[in-house]
Protein backbone atom coordinates (compact mmCIF):
# COMPACT_ATOMS: atom_id res chain seq x y z
CA MET A 1 127.46 243.51 253.42
CA THR A 2 126.94 247.14 252.05
CA ASN A 3 128.13 250.30 253.78
CA SER A 4 124.61 251.06 255.00
CA GLU A 5 124.28 247.51 256.53
CA GLN A 6 127.61 247.61 258.39
CA PRO A 7 127.42 248.71 262.00
CA ALA A 8 129.18 252.12 262.82
CA SER A 9 132.68 251.51 263.81
CA ALA A 10 135.20 253.75 265.53
CA ASP A 11 136.23 255.16 262.10
CA THR A 12 132.68 255.88 261.01
CA PRO A 13 130.78 258.17 263.30
CA SER A 14 127.07 257.54 263.81
CA ARG A 15 124.59 260.37 262.69
CA GLY A 16 122.41 259.65 265.72
CA LYS A 17 119.21 257.79 266.42
CA LEU A 18 116.98 260.47 265.04
CA ALA A 19 118.82 260.46 261.67
CA GLU A 20 118.79 256.63 261.60
CA ARG A 21 115.00 256.69 262.19
CA LEU A 22 114.21 259.56 259.66
CA LEU A 23 116.80 258.39 256.92
CA PRO A 24 116.99 254.53 257.21
CA GLY A 25 119.00 252.65 254.75
CA GLY A 26 120.49 253.83 251.44
CA GLU A 27 123.86 255.50 251.05
CA GLU A 28 124.99 258.81 252.15
CA PRO A 29 124.52 261.10 249.02
CA ASP A 30 127.10 263.60 247.72
CA PRO A 31 127.19 266.53 250.27
CA ARG A 32 126.58 269.10 247.55
CA PHE A 33 123.17 267.49 246.83
CA THR A 34 122.16 267.38 250.48
CA LEU A 35 123.18 270.94 250.86
CA ALA A 36 121.10 271.84 247.72
CA ASN A 37 118.12 270.11 249.12
CA GLU A 38 118.61 272.03 252.42
CA ARG A 39 118.75 275.36 250.47
CA THR A 40 115.58 274.53 248.77
CA PHE A 41 114.01 273.88 252.14
CA LEU A 42 115.13 277.15 253.38
CA ALA A 43 113.76 278.91 250.30
CA TRP A 44 110.31 277.25 251.00
CA ILE A 45 110.68 278.38 254.64
CA ARG A 46 111.35 282.04 253.51
CA THR A 47 108.21 281.85 251.37
CA SER A 48 106.30 280.55 254.22
CA LEU A 49 107.43 283.38 256.53
CA ALA A 50 106.46 285.82 253.87
CA LEU A 51 102.96 284.41 253.62
CA LEU A 52 102.64 284.66 257.43
CA ALA A 53 103.88 288.29 257.32
CA GLY A 54 101.39 289.02 254.60
CA GLY A 55 98.53 287.51 256.62
CA ILE A 56 99.34 289.58 259.71
CA ALA A 57 99.85 292.83 257.46
CA ILE A 58 96.53 292.25 255.79
CA GLU A 59 94.71 291.92 259.22
CA ALA A 60 96.65 294.76 260.84
CA PHE A 61 96.79 297.44 258.14
CA THR A 62 93.95 297.04 255.57
CA ALA A 63 90.78 297.78 257.84
CA ASP A 64 89.88 300.73 255.58
CA LEU A 65 90.37 298.69 252.30
CA PHE A 66 88.34 295.41 253.02
CA LEU A 67 85.16 294.65 254.72
CA GLU A 68 85.97 292.76 257.96
CA PRO A 69 84.89 289.35 256.75
CA VAL A 70 86.90 289.52 253.54
CA ARG A 71 89.94 290.99 255.47
CA LYS A 72 89.85 288.13 258.05
CA GLY A 73 89.12 285.55 255.48
CA LEU A 74 92.23 286.71 253.40
CA ALA A 75 94.45 286.87 256.45
CA VAL A 76 93.44 283.28 257.42
CA VAL A 77 93.95 281.92 254.03
CA LEU A 78 97.65 283.52 253.97
CA LEU A 79 98.36 282.32 257.53
CA LEU A 80 97.05 278.84 256.85
CA LEU A 81 99.00 278.65 253.53
CA GLY A 82 102.13 279.70 255.47
CA MET A 83 101.67 277.07 257.95
CA LEU A 84 100.93 274.36 255.39
CA LEU A 85 103.88 275.43 253.39
CA SER A 86 106.19 275.27 256.38
CA ALA A 87 105.16 271.72 257.23
CA GLY A 88 105.03 270.68 253.51
CA SER A 89 108.58 271.95 252.93
CA ALA A 90 109.82 269.72 255.90
CA VAL A 91 108.04 266.74 254.36
CA ARG A 92 109.48 267.55 250.98
CA TRP A 93 112.96 267.85 252.31
CA LEU A 94 112.70 264.41 253.98
CA ARG A 95 111.16 262.78 250.96
CA VAL A 96 113.87 264.12 248.66
CA GLU A 97 116.69 263.23 251.07
CA ARG A 98 115.29 259.60 251.27
CA SER A 99 115.13 259.40 247.44
CA MET A 100 118.63 260.47 246.96
CA ARG A 101 119.90 258.06 249.57
CA ASN A 102 118.10 255.24 247.87
CA LYS A 103 119.02 256.43 244.30
CA ALA A 104 115.27 256.70 243.43
CA PRO A 105 113.38 259.21 241.25
CA LEU A 106 112.75 262.51 243.17
CA PRO A 107 109.24 262.91 244.33
CA LEU A 108 106.81 265.37 242.70
CA PRO A 109 106.54 268.55 244.63
CA LEU A 110 102.94 268.39 245.71
CA ILE A 111 103.08 271.76 247.57
CA VAL A 112 103.62 273.65 244.43
CA PRO A 113 100.09 273.27 243.12
CA LEU A 114 98.66 274.03 246.56
CA LEU A 115 100.92 277.23 246.82
CA ALA A 116 100.00 278.37 243.27
CA GLY A 117 96.36 277.78 243.73
CA ALA A 118 95.96 279.40 247.10
CA GLY A 119 98.29 282.35 246.06
CA ALA A 120 96.26 282.88 242.86
CA LEU A 121 92.98 282.90 244.98
CA ALA A 122 94.35 285.42 247.54
CA ALA A 123 95.73 287.63 244.70
CA ALA A 124 92.33 287.40 242.94
CA VAL A 125 90.54 288.54 246.05
CA VAL A 126 92.90 291.44 246.56
CA LEU A 127 92.53 292.58 242.99
CA ILE A 128 88.74 292.38 243.03
CA PHE A 129 88.58 294.59 246.01
CA ILE A 130 91.17 297.05 244.79
CA LEU A 131 89.50 297.44 241.40
CA GLY A 132 86.06 297.61 243.19
CA ARG A 133 86.99 300.53 245.26
């Protein structure tokens, strides 16, 4: 019987039912790797918050710079991207944590191409309208 199969004893505290459900099986990874995974998650969350703030700022402060449909469209793209990135970062954290626990290869970061593409699109729209003024 391995450590992950043994029931929690008085010496081994349980992480709780939610942790057992989200992170089944495997072995507890080195805390440094878990903390690094958490720092990466928090970096994605900071980026998500910046995108949300950018979407709000575009809508609130650029009425004289963009036509209304463009302004609203750009704000919506940034807000949706921030929401997707926030959710995607949570999924990524969980997938990486499971991979580390099961000593499996780390998953590809699927949110990176999404963020890069949508960010490039938003930047292109801003650039076109700034140069077109």
